[in-house]
C-alpha atoms as a PDB file:
ATOM      1  CA  UNK A   1     -12.356   8.817 -14.715  1.00  0.00           C
ATOM      2  CA  UNK A   2      -9.120   8.828 -12.753  1.00  0.00           C
ATOM      3  CA  UNK A   3      -7.413   5.546 -11.981  1.00  0.00           C
ATOM      4  CA  UNK A   4      -7.811   5.910  -8.208  1.00  0.00           C
ATOM      5  CA  UNK A   5     -11.579   6.448  -8.625  1.00  0.00           C
ATOM      6  CA  UNK A   6     -12.189   3.106 -10.331  1.00  0.00           C
ATOM      7  CA  UNK A   7     -13.796   0.642  -7.916  1.00  0.00           C
ATOM      8  CA  UNK A   8     -13.241  -3.054  -8.620  1.00  0.00           C
ATOM      9  CA  UNK A   9     -11.906  -6.185  -6.940  1.00  0.00           C
ATOM     10  CA  UNK A  10      -8.842  -6.535  -9.164  1.00  0.00           C
ATOM     11  CA  UNK A  11      -5.362  -5.167  -8.631  1.00  0.00           C
ATOM     12  CA  UNK A  12      -3.761  -3.248 -11.493  1.00  0.00           C
ATOM     13  CA  UNK A  13      -0.049  -3.459 -10.776  1.00  0.00           C
ATOM     14  CA  UNK A  14       2.145  -0.385 -10.864  1.00  0.00           C
ATOM     15  CA  UNK A  15       4.864  -0.080 -13.527  1.00  0.00           C
ATOM     16  CA  UNK A  16       7.825  -2.196 -12.435  1.00  0.00           C
ATOM     17  CA  UNK A  17      11.399  -2.594 -13.717  1.00  0.00           C
ATOM     18  CA  UNK A  18      11.776  -6.126 -12.350  1.00  0.00           C
ATOM     19  CA  UNK A  19      10.443  -8.126 -15.336  1.00  0.00           C
ATOM     20  CA  UNK A  20      13.003  -6.450 -17.613  1.00  0.00           C
ATOM     21  CA  UNK A  21      15.874  -6.656 -15.114  1.00  0.00           C
ATOM     22  CA  UNK A  22      14.998 -10.266 -14.271  1.00  0.00           C
ATOM     23  CA  UNK A  23      14.893 -11.373 -17.909  1.00  0.00           C
ATOM     24  CA  UNK A  24      18.235  -9.699 -18.685  1.00  0.00           C
ATOM     25  CA  UNK A  25      19.802 -11.280 -15.586  1.00  0.00           C
ATOM     26  CA  UNK A  26      18.448 -14.707 -16.519  1.00  0.00           C
ATOM     27  CA  UNK A  27      19.845 -14.326 -20.054  1.00  0.00           C
ATOM     28  CA  UNK A  28      23.278 -13.363 -18.718  1.00  0.00           C
ATOM     29  CA  UNK A  29      23.152 -16.289 -16.279  1.00  0.00           C
ATOM     30  CA  UNK A  30      22.284 -18.751 -19.053  1.00  0.00           C
ATOM     31  CA  UNK A  31      25.022 -17.490 -21.400  1.00  0.00           C
ATOM     32  CA  UNK A  32      27.559 -17.589 -18.580  1.00  0.00           C
ATOM     33  CA  UNK A  33      26.581 -21.096 -17.492  1.00  0.00           C
ATOM     34  CA  UNK A  34      26.721 -22.464 -21.056  1.00  0.00           C
ATOM     35  CA  UNK A  35      30.098 -20.816 -21.773  1.00  0.00           C
ATOM     36  CA  UNK A  36      31.538 -21.938 -18.441  1.00  0.00           C
ATOM     37  CA  UNK A  37      30.406 -25.564 -18.809  1.00  0.00           C
ATOM     38  CA  UNK A  38      31.369 -25.842 -22.488  1.00  0.00           C
ATOM     39  CA  UNK A  39      34.915 -24.526 -22.006  1.00  0.00           C
ATOM     40  CA  UNK A  40      37.400 -27.139 -20.824  1.00  0.00           C
ATOM     41  CA  UNK A  41      40.705 -25.269 -20.955  1.00  0.00           C
ATOM     42  CA  UNK A  42      39.954 -22.885 -18.080  1.00  0.00           C
ATOM     43  CA  UNK A  43      41.195 -19.973 -20.172  1.00  0.00           C
ATOM     44  CA  UNK A  44      39.669 -16.614 -20.962  1.00  0.00           C
ATOM     45  CA  UNK A  45      36.341 -17.988 -22.195  1.00  0.00           C
ATOM     46  CA  UNK A  46      36.004 -20.236 -19.162  1.00  0.00           C
ATOM     47  CA  UNK A  47      36.680 -17.426 -16.702  1.00  0.00           C
ATOM     48  CA  UNK A  48      34.435 -15.039 -18.626  1.00  0.00           C
ATOM     49  CA  UNK A  49      31.642 -17.602 -18.518  1.00  0.00           C
ATOM     50  CA  UNK A  50      32.148 -18.072 -14.795  1.00  0.00           C
ATOM     51  CA  UNK A  51      31.884 -14.362 -14.035  1.00  0.00           C
ATOM     52  CA  UNK A  52      28.910 -13.927 -16.364  1.00  0.00           C
ATOM     53  CA  UNK A  53      27.233 -16.754 -14.469  1.00  0.00           C
ATOM     54  CA  UNK A  54      27.957 -15.097 -11.119  1.00  0.00           C
ATOM     55  CA  UNK A  55      26.743 -11.660 -12.313  1.00  0.00           C
ATOM     56  CA  UNK A  56      23.583 -13.182 -13.782  1.00  0.00           C
ATOM     57  CA  UNK A  57      22.885 -15.168 -10.613  1.00  0.00           C
ATOM     58  CA  UNK A  58      23.313 -12.069  -8.436  1.00  0.00           C
ATOM     59  CA  UNK A  59      20.967 -10.170 -10.750  1.00  0.00           C
ATOM     60  CA  UNK A  60      18.323 -12.895 -10.519  1.00  0.00           C
ATOM     61  CA  UNK A  61      18.570 -13.058  -6.713  1.00  0.00           C
ATOM     62  CA  UNK A  62      18.382  -9.255  -6.440  1.00  0.00           C
ATOM     63  CA  UNK A  63      15.326  -9.217  -8.727  1.00  0.00           C
ATOM     64  CA  UNK A  64      13.632 -11.907  -6.630  1.00  0.00           C
ATOM     65  CA  UNK A  65      14.267  -9.994  -3.408  1.00  0.00           C
ATOM     66  CA  UNK A  66      13.059  -6.640  -4.705  1.00  0.00           C
ATOM     67  CA  UNK A  67      10.065  -7.992  -6.648  1.00  0.00           C
ATOM     68  CA  UNK A  68       8.783 -10.034  -3.717  1.00  0.00           C
ATOM     69  CA  UNK A  69       9.299  -7.040  -1.428  1.00  0.00           C
ATOM     70  CA  UNK A  70       7.021  -5.041  -3.716  1.00  0.00           C
ATOM     71  CA  UNK A  71       4.434  -7.831  -3.603  1.00  0.00           C
ATOM     72  CA  UNK A  72       4.516  -7.754   0.221  1.00  0.00           C
ATOM     73  CA  UNK A  73       3.985  -3.985   0.168  1.00  0.00           C
ATOM     74  CA  UNK A  74       1.005  -4.433  -2.152  1.00  0.00           C
ATOM     75  CA  UNK A  75      -0.509  -6.981   0.230  1.00  0.00           C
ATOM     76  CA  UNK A  76       0.002  -4.730   3.240  1.00  0.00           C
ATOM     77  CA  UNK A  77      -1.810  -1.817   1.610  1.00  0.00           C
ATOM     78  CA  UNK A  78      -4.793  -4.024   0.787  1.00  0.00           C
ATOM     79  CA  UNK A  79      -4.275  -4.679  -2.937  1.00  0.00           C
ATOM     80  CA  UNK A  80      -4.568  -8.465  -2.486  1.00  0.00           C
ATOM     81  CA  UNK A  81      -8.353  -8.658  -2.374  1.00  0.00           C
ATOM     82  CA  UNK A  82     -10.160 -12.036  -2.103  1.00  0.00           C
ATOM     83  CA  UNK A  83     -10.530 -12.086  -5.902  1.00  0.00           C
ATOM     84  CA  UNK A  84      -6.799 -11.418  -6.346  1.00  0.00           C
ATOM     85  CA  UNK A  85      -5.984 -14.171  -3.857  1.00  0.00           C
ATOM     86  CA  UNK A  86      -8.006 -16.643  -5.921  1.00  0.00           C
ATOM     87  CA  UNK A  87      -5.786 -15.827  -8.886  1.00  0.00           C
ATOM     88  CA  UNK A  88      -2.697 -16.276  -6.726  1.00  0.00           C
ATOM     89  CA  UNK A  89      -3.928 -19.703  -5.628  1.00  0.00           C
ATOM     90  CA  UNK A  90      -4.550 -20.719  -9.243  1.00  0.00           C
ATOM     91  CA  UNK A  91      -1.023 -19.594 -10.067  1.00  0.00           C
ATOM     92  CA  UNK A  92       0.491 -21.684  -7.259  1.00  0.00           C
ATOM     93  CA  UNK A  93      -1.555 -24.722  -8.303  1.00  0.00           C
ATOM     94  CA  UNK A  94      -0.303 -24.380 -11.879  1.00  0.00           C
ATOM     95  CA  UNK A  95       3.270 -23.985 -10.644  1.00  0.00           C
ATOM     96  CA  UNK A  96       3.023 -27.185  -8.591  1.00  0.00           C
ATOM     97  CA  UNK A  97       1.467 -28.927 -11.613  1.00  0.00           C
ATOM     98  CA  UNK A  98       4.509 -27.929 -13.678  1.00  0.00           C
ATOM     99  CA  UNK A  99       6.741 -29.324 -10.921  1.00  0.00           C
ATOM    100  CA  UNK A 100       4.806 -32.599 -11.074  1.00  0.00           C
ATOM    101  CA  UNK A 101       5.565 -32.836 -14.789  1.00  0.00           C
ATOM    102  CA  UNK A 102       9.219 -32.105 -14.027  1.00  0.00           C
ATOM    103  CA  UNK A 103       9.461 -35.107 -11.715  1.00  0.00           C
ATOM    104  CA  UNK A 104       7.436 -37.266 -14.091  1.00  0.00           C
ATOM    105  CA  UNK A 105      10.367 -36.923 -16.503  1.00  0.00           C
ATOM    106  CA  UNK A 106      12.826 -38.338 -13.945  1.00  0.00           C
ATOM    107  CA  UNK A 107      10.484 -41.174 -12.970  1.00  0.00           C
ATOM    108  CA  UNK A 108       9.994 -41.884 -16.669  1.00  0.00           C
ATOM    109  CA  UNK A 109      13.753 -42.121 -17.192  1.00  0.00           C
ATOM    110  CA  UNK A 110      14.046 -44.486 -14.213  1.00  0.00           C
ATOM    111  CA  UNK A 111      11.166 -46.741 -15.288  1.00  0.00           C
ATOM    112  CA  UNK A 112      12.426 -46.797 -18.873  1.00  0.00           C
ATOM    113  CA  UNK A 113      15.611 -48.572 -17.852  1.00  0.00           C
ATOM    114  CA  UNK A 114      14.391 -50.447 -14.760  1.00  0.00           C
ATOM    115  CA  UNK A 115      11.375 -52.114 -16.402  1.00  0.00           C
ATOM    116  CA  UNK A 116      13.182 -53.057 -19.608  1.00  0.00           C
ATOM    117  CA  UNK A 117      16.787 -53.835 -18.623  1.00  0.00           C
ATOM    118  CA  UNK A 118      17.166 -56.729 -21.057  1.00  0.00           C
ATOM    119  CA  UNK A 119      16.367 -54.941 -24.298  1.00  0.00           C
ATOM    120  CA  UNK A 120      18.930 -55.226 -27.063  1.00  0.00           C
ATOM    121  CA  UNK A 121      18.063 -51.843 -28.527  1.00  0.00           C
ATOM    122  CA  UNK A 122      20.439 -48.914 -28.284  1.00  0.00           C
ATOM    123  CA  UNK A 123      19.246 -45.512 -27.114  1.00  0.00           C
ATOM    124  CA  UNK A 124      18.259 -44.436 -30.636  1.00  0.00           C
ATOM    125  CA  UNK A 125      16.818 -47.780 -31.744  1.00  0.00           C
ATOM    126  CA  UNK A 126      18.390 -50.868 -33.317  1.00  0.00           C
ATOM    127  CA  UNK A 127      21.578 -49.516 -34.834  1.00  0.00           C
ATOM    128  CA  UNK A 128      24.362 -51.617 -36.273  1.00  0.00           C
ATOM    129  CA  UNK A 129      27.560 -51.468 -34.252  1.00  0.00           C
ATOM    130  CA  UNK A 130      26.023 -49.972 -31.094  1.00  0.00           C
ATOM    131  CA  UNK A 131      25.934 -51.738 -27.757  1.00  0.00           C
ATOM    132  CA  UNK A 132      22.445 -52.589 -26.479  1.00  0.00           C
ATOM    133  CA  UNK A 133      21.137 -51.846 -23.020  1.00  0.00           C
ATOM    134  CA  UNK A 134      21.344 -55.494 -21.971  1.00  0.00           C
ATOM    135  CA  UNK A 135      25.071 -55.498 -22.706  1.00  0.00           C
ATOM    136  CA  UNK A 136      25.617 -52.214 -20.833  1.00  0.00           C
ATOM    137  CA  UNK A 137      23.830 -53.063 -17.576  1.00  0.00           C
ATOM    138  CA  UNK A 138      23.952 -56.855 -17.613  1.00  0.00           C
ATOM    139  CA  UNK A 139      20.293 -57.399 -18.447  1.00  0.00           C
ATOM    140  CA  UNK A 140      19.114 -56.807 -14.871  1.00  0.00           C
ATOM    141  CA  UNK A 141      18.045 -53.974 -12.606  1.00  0.00           C
ATOM    142  CA  UNK A 142      19.819 -52.710 -10.609  1.00  0.00           C
ATOM    143  CA  UNK A 143      22.731 -53.213 -13.009  1.00  0.00           C
ATOM    144  CA  UNK A 144      25.215 -55.952 -12.250  1.00  0.00           C
ATOM    145  CA  UNK A 145      27.792 -54.787  -9.684  1.00  0.00           C
ATOM    146  CA  UNK A 146      25.746 -51.851  -8.338  1.00  0.00           C
ATOM    147  CA  UNK A 147      25.366 -51.840  -4.556  1.00  0.00           C
ATOM    148  CA  UNK A 148      22.143 -50.001  -3.664  1.00  0.00           C
ATOM    149  CA  UNK A 149      21.192 -48.356  -0.384  1.00  0.00           C
ATOM    150  CA  UNK A 150      19.346 -50.195   2.352  1.00  0.00           C
ATOM    151  CA  UNK A 151      15.899 -48.525   2.201  1.00  0.00           C
ATOM    152  CA  UNK A 152      15.209 -49.213   5.883  1.00  0.00           C
ATOM    153  CA  UNK A 153      18.250 -47.311   7.124  1.00  0.00           C
ATOM    154  CA  UNK A 154      18.896 -43.639   6.251  1.00  0.00           C
ATOM    155  CA  UNK A 155      16.181 -43.430   3.545  1.00  0.00           C
ATOM    156  CA  UNK A 156      13.538 -44.617   6.021  1.00  0.00           C
ATOM    157  CA  UNK A 157      14.754 -42.125   8.637  1.00  0.00           C
ATOM    158  CA  UNK A 158      14.459 -39.333   6.096  1.00  0.00           C
ATOM    159  CA  UNK A 159      10.954 -40.528   5.208  1.00  0.00           C
ATOM    160  CA  UNK A 160       9.885 -40.269   8.854  1.00  0.00           C
ATOM    161  CA  UNK A 161      11.491 -36.827   9.073  1.00  0.00           C
ATOM    162  CA  UNK A 162       9.603 -35.491   6.045  1.00  0.00           C
ATOM    163  CA  UNK A 163       6.287 -36.963   7.161  1.00  0.00           C
ATOM    164  CA  UNK A 164       6.779 -35.380  10.573  1.00  0.00           C
ATOM    165  CA  UNK A 165       7.607 -32.043   8.942  1.00  0.00           C
ATOM    166  CA  UNK A 166       4.336 -32.254   7.013  1.00  0.00           C
ATOM    167  CA  UNK A 167       2.507 -32.508  10.355  1.00  0.00           C
ATOM    168  CA  UNK A 168       4.417 -29.606  11.920  1.00  0.00           C
ATOM    169  CA  UNK A 169       3.827 -27.266   8.957  1.00  0.00           C
ATOM    170  CA  UNK A 170       0.102 -28.125   9.121  1.00  0.00           C
ATOM    171  CA  UNK A 171       0.172 -27.318  12.836  1.00  0.00           C
ATOM    172  CA  UNK A 172       1.781 -23.956  12.067  1.00  0.00           C
ATOM    173  CA  UNK A 173      -0.835 -23.241   9.394  1.00  0.00           C
ATOM    174  CA  UNK A 174      -3.783 -23.973  11.683  1.00  0.00           C
ATOM    175  CA  UNK A 175      -2.182 -21.915  14.459  1.00  0.00           C
ATOM    176  CA  UNK A 176      -1.834 -18.954  12.101  1.00  0.00           C
ATOM    177  CA  UNK A 177      -5.466 -19.270  11.014  1.00  0.00           C
ATOM    178  CA  UNK A 178      -6.534 -19.032  14.654  1.00  0.00           C
ATOM    179  CA  UNK A 179      -4.222 -16.133  15.520  1.00  0.00           C
ATOM    180  CA  UNK A 180      -1.836 -18.257  17.607  1.00  0.00           C
ATOM    181  CA  UNK A 181       1.496 -16.629  16.781  1.00  0.00           C
ATOM    182  CA  UNK A 182       3.410 -18.741  19.285  1.00  0.00           C
ATOM    183  CA  UNK A 183       2.106 -21.971  17.787  1.00  0.00           C
ATOM    184  CA  UNK A 184       2.843 -20.674  14.284  1.00  0.00           C
ATOM    185  CA  UNK A 185       6.379 -19.778  15.247  1.00  0.00           C
ATOM    186  CA  UNK A 186       7.070 -23.096  16.989  1.00  0.00           C
ATOM    187  CA  UNK A 187       5.563 -25.145  14.159  1.00  0.00           C
ATOM    188  CA  UNK A 188       7.641 -23.297  11.563  1.00  0.00           C
ATOM    189  CA  UNK A 189      10.844 -23.641  13.576  1.00  0.00           C
ATOM    190  CA  UNK A 190      10.318 -27.390  13.942  1.00  0.00           C
ATOM    191  CA  UNK A 191       9.556 -27.753  10.223  1.00  0.00           C
ATOM    192  CA  UNK A 192      12.687 -25.809   9.264  1.00  0.00           C
ATOM    193  CA  UNK A 193      14.858 -27.894  11.603  1.00  0.00           C
ATOM    194  CA  UNK A 194      13.405 -31.110  10.167  1.00  0.00           C
ATOM    195  CA  UNK A 195      14.067 -29.873   6.621  1.00  0.00           C
ATOM    196  CA  UNK A 196      17.680 -29.032   7.473  1.00  0.00           C
ATOM    197  CA  UNK A 197      18.081 -32.448   9.113  1.00  0.00           C
ATOM    198  CA  UNK A 198      16.762 -34.157   5.984  1.00  0.00           C
ATOM    199  CA  UNK A 199      19.286 -32.279   3.842  1.00  0.00           C
ATOM    200  CA  UNK A 200      22.192 -33.173   6.140  1.00  0.00           C
ATOM    201  CA  UNK A 201      21.264 -36.863   6.174  1.00  0.00           C
ATOM    202  CA  UNK A 202      20.922 -36.915   2.393  1.00  0.00           C
ATOM    203  CA  UNK A 203      24.334 -35.270   2.004  1.00  0.00           C
ATOM    204  CA  UNK A 204      25.808 -37.916   4.330  1.00  0.00           C
ATOM    205  CA  UNK A 205      24.070 -40.634   2.303  1.00  0.00           C
ATOM    206  CA  UNK A 206      25.459 -39.279  -0.963  1.00  0.00           C
ATOM    207  CA  UNK A 207      28.985 -39.176   0.456  1.00  0.00           C
ATOM    208  CA  UNK A 208      28.752 -42.906   1.266  1.00  0.00           C
ATOM    209  CA  UNK A 209      27.187 -44.050  -2.003  1.00  0.00           C
ATOM    210  CA  UNK A 210      28.779 -47.165  -3.488  1.00  0.00           C
ATOM    211  CA  UNK A 211      28.143 -45.863  -7.027  1.00  0.00           C
ATOM    212  CA  UNK A 212      28.903 -42.666  -8.940  1.00  0.00           C
ATOM    213  CA  UNK A 213      26.829 -40.317 -11.053  1.00  0.00           C
ATOM    214  CA  UNK A 214      29.046 -40.724 -14.105  1.00  0.00           C
ATOM    215  CA  UNK A 215      29.642 -43.973 -15.919  1.00  0.00           C
ATOM    216  CA  UNK A 216      26.436 -45.870 -15.100  1.00  0.00           C
ATOM    217  CA  UNK A 217      22.758 -45.383 -15.781  1.00  0.00           C
ATOM    218  CA  UNK A 218      21.722 -46.308 -12.242  1.00  0.00           C
ATOM    219  CA  UNK A 219      23.813 -43.541 -10.702  1.00  0.00           C
ATOM    220  CA  UNK A 220      22.551 -41.020 -13.257  1.00  0.00           C
ATOM    221  CA  UNK A 221      18.863 -41.781 -12.693  1.00  0.00           C
ATOM    222  CA  UNK A 222      19.272 -42.094  -8.909  1.00  0.00           C
ATOM    223  CA  UNK A 223      21.139 -38.833  -8.361  1.00  0.00           C
ATOM    224  CA  UNK A 224      19.021 -36.830 -10.819  1.00  0.00           C
ATOM    225  CA  UNK A 225      15.720 -37.893  -9.240  1.00  0.00           C
ATOM    226  CA  UNK A 226      16.718 -37.784  -5.572  1.00  0.00           C
ATOM    227  CA  UNK A 227      19.105 -34.854  -6.067  1.00  0.00           C
ATOM    228  CA  UNK A 228      16.486 -32.605  -7.635  1.00  0.00           C
ATOM    229  CA  UNK A 229      14.120 -33.572  -4.847  1.00  0.00           C
ATOM    230  CA  UNK A 230      16.825 -32.600  -2.344  1.00  0.00           C
ATOM    231  CA  UNK A 231      17.157 -29.257  -4.133  1.00  0.00           C
ATOM    232  CA  UNK A 232      13.415 -28.740  -3.744  1.00  0.00           C
ATOM    233  CA  UNK A 233      13.712 -29.483  -0.026  1.00  0.00           C
ATOM    234  CA  UNK A 234      16.369 -26.760   0.240  1.00  0.00           C
ATOM    235  CA  UNK A 235      14.167 -24.297  -1.675  1.00  0.00           C
ATOM    236  CA  UNK A 236      11.182 -25.206   0.500  1.00  0.00           C
ATOM    237  CA  UNK A 237      13.255 -24.734   3.655  1.00  0.00           C
ATOM    238  CA  UNK A 238      14.304 -21.260   2.500  1.00  0.00           C
ATOM    239  CA  UNK A 239      10.656 -20.548   1.664  1.00  0.00           C
ATOM    240  CA  UNK A 240       9.647 -21.469   5.228  1.00  0.00           C
ATOM    241  CA  UNK A 241      12.497 -19.438   6.760  1.00  0.00           C
ATOM    242  CA  UNK A 242      11.193 -16.365   4.927  1.00  0.00           C
ATOM    243  CA  UNK A 243       7.689 -17.141   6.217  1.00  0.00           C
ATOM    244  CA  UNK A 244       9.038 -17.447   9.763  1.00  0.00           C
ATOM    245  CA  UNK A 245      10.696 -14.033   9.493  1.00  0.00           C
ATOM    246  CA  UNK A 246       7.485 -12.500   8.151  1.00  0.00           C
ATOM    247  CA  UNK A 247       5.484 -14.048  10.993  1.00  0.00           C
ATOM    248  CA  UNK A 248       7.919 -12.657  13.563  1.00  0.00           C
ATOM    249  CA  UNK A 249       7.635  -9.121  12.160  1.00  0.00           C
ATOM    250  CA  UNK A 250       3.843  -9.334  12.001  1.00  0.00           C
ATOM    251  CA  UNK A 251       3.398  -9.354   8.217  1.00  0.00           C
ATOM    252  CA  UNK A 252       1.036 -12.355   8.265  1.00  0.00           C
ATOM    253  CA  UNK A 253      -2.431 -12.319   9.798  1.00  0.00           C
ATOM    254  CA  UNK A 254      -5.181 -14.941  10.070  1.00  0.00           C
ATOM    255  CA  UNK A 255      -6.897 -13.397   7.027  1.00  0.00           C
ATOM    256  CA  UNK A 256      -3.826 -12.381   5.003  1.00  0.00           C
ATOM    257  CA  UNK A 257      -1.208 -15.140   4.732  1.00  0.00           C
ATOM    258  CA  UNK A 258      -1.204 -16.532   1.214  1.00  0.00           C
ATOM    259  CA  UNK A 259       2.613 -16.615   1.228  1.00  0.00           C
ATOM    260  CA  UNK A 260       2.488 -19.124   4.059  1.00  0.00           C
ATOM    261  CA  UNK A 261      -0.214 -21.191   2.325  1.00  0.00           C
ATOM    262  CA  UNK A 262       1.927 -21.346  -0.816  1.00  0.00           C
ATOM    263  CA  UNK A 263       4.936 -22.492   1.222  1.00  0.00           C
ATOM    264  CA  UNK A 264       2.830 -25.156   2.965  1.00  0.00           C
ATOM    265  CA  UNK A 265       1.444 -26.442  -0.341  1.00  0.00           C
ATOM    266  CA  UNK A 266       4.943 -26.607  -1.774  1.00  0.00           C
ATOM    267  CA  UNK A 267       6.202 -28.476   1.298  1.00  0.00           C
ATOM    268  CA  UNK A 268       3.398 -31.055   1.088  1.00  0.00           C
ATOM    269  CA  UNK A 269       4.220 -31.532  -2.604  1.00  0.00           C
ATOM    270  CA  UNK A 270       7.845 -32.216  -1.661  1.00  0.00           C
ATOM    271  CA  UNK A 271       6.648 -34.777   0.915  1.00  0.00           C
ATOM    272  CA  UNK A 272       4.498 -36.632  -1.619  1.00  0.00           C
ATOM    273  CA  UNK A 273       7.275 -36.769  -4.210  1.00  0.00           C
ATOM    274  CA  UNK A 274       9.626 -38.241  -1.618  1.00  0.00           C
ATOM    275  CA  UNK A 275       7.123 -40.995  -0.783  1.00  0.00           C
ATOM    276  CA  UNK A 276       7.116 -42.026  -4.452  1.00  0.00           C
ATOM    277  CA  UNK A 277      10.916 -41.832  -4.619  1.00  0.00           C
ATOM    278  CA  UNK A 278      11.290 -43.915  -1.466  1.00  0.00           C
ATOM    279  CA  UNK A 279       8.840 -46.578  -2.674  1.00  0.00           C
ATOM    280  CA  UNK A 280      10.087 -46.822  -6.255  1.00  0.00           C
ATOM    281  CA  UNK A 281      13.829 -46.189  -6.122  1.00  0.00           C
ATOM    282  CA  UNK A 282      14.775 -47.335  -2.626  1.00  0.00           C
ATOM    283  CA  UNK A 283      12.298 -50.142  -1.838  1.00  0.00           C
ATOM    284  CA  UNK A 284      11.219 -51.618  -5.187  1.00  0.00           C
ATOM    285  CA  UNK A 285      14.584 -50.841  -6.796  1.00  0.00           C
ATOM    286  CA  UNK A 286      16.609 -52.436  -4.002  1.00  0.00           C
ATOM    287  CA  UNK A 287      19.233 -54.827  -5.332  1.00  0.00           C
ATOM    288  CA  UNK A 288      20.885 -57.933  -3.859  1.00  0.00           C
ATOM    289  CA  UNK A 289      23.911 -55.935  -2.805  1.00  0.00           C
ATOM    290  CA  UNK A 290      22.984 -53.330  -0.173  1.00  0.00           C
ATOM    291  CA  UNK A 291      25.204 -50.553   1.200  1.00  0.00           C
ATOM    292  CA  UNK A 292      24.664 -49.454   4.787  1.00  0.00           C
END
């Protein structure tokens, strides 16, 4: 029986070059990044690593663009049946679950030092001749001399902004489900503007931090946790901008808009993570010395 005569609810994808091209590009990117970061003299190896990194990054971005364009074409010709969409939803749920585990690692690193600041053990255990944690950070958290942010200033403003953006993206989603393109467009535009505002305020906050990333464990845990969250906000904003473009060109309908649902789920995940970051790092982790 010919392939086009088989009737089922599943989509058998066409042969595609993008998995191979994407994996090669990712490999080149990784080799370039490692060579570039591990070379201090700025000589031939350093420059070679830099250009390998750039070439690999361009290859990855090109693969993403072309592969997702193919996925959109498949959806438009009806390949994304309800059964296929269930699989897509499972995939997005698993992706968000992996992101949860990613942030668990940063929270774990923060709690490890903040809950036990007075331990005399070194990083690898009790080793003769090594300085214990209590000696490094003064036996308190935040470490002695670290001036933390006032949680009720810029961090609180950013919290309100993200919570508001969660409401606007929900508005856009409901509008799309009911065929209200104007409401969808306006809700997405507001969400994107709120996401950009959050990023700008966080960049301003970072530029006025009274501590550095290097040289202290508080700066390392703070910037890694909040910085990776900020990166996710940027990715989510780009995700929503793509959705806005697709809405404007009519690629999303009330019955066919999983790309928007995935973006909305991702954005809500980013909101929830920020609430934990705000409560744990900014509010509970506030020290006696506060920077405004």
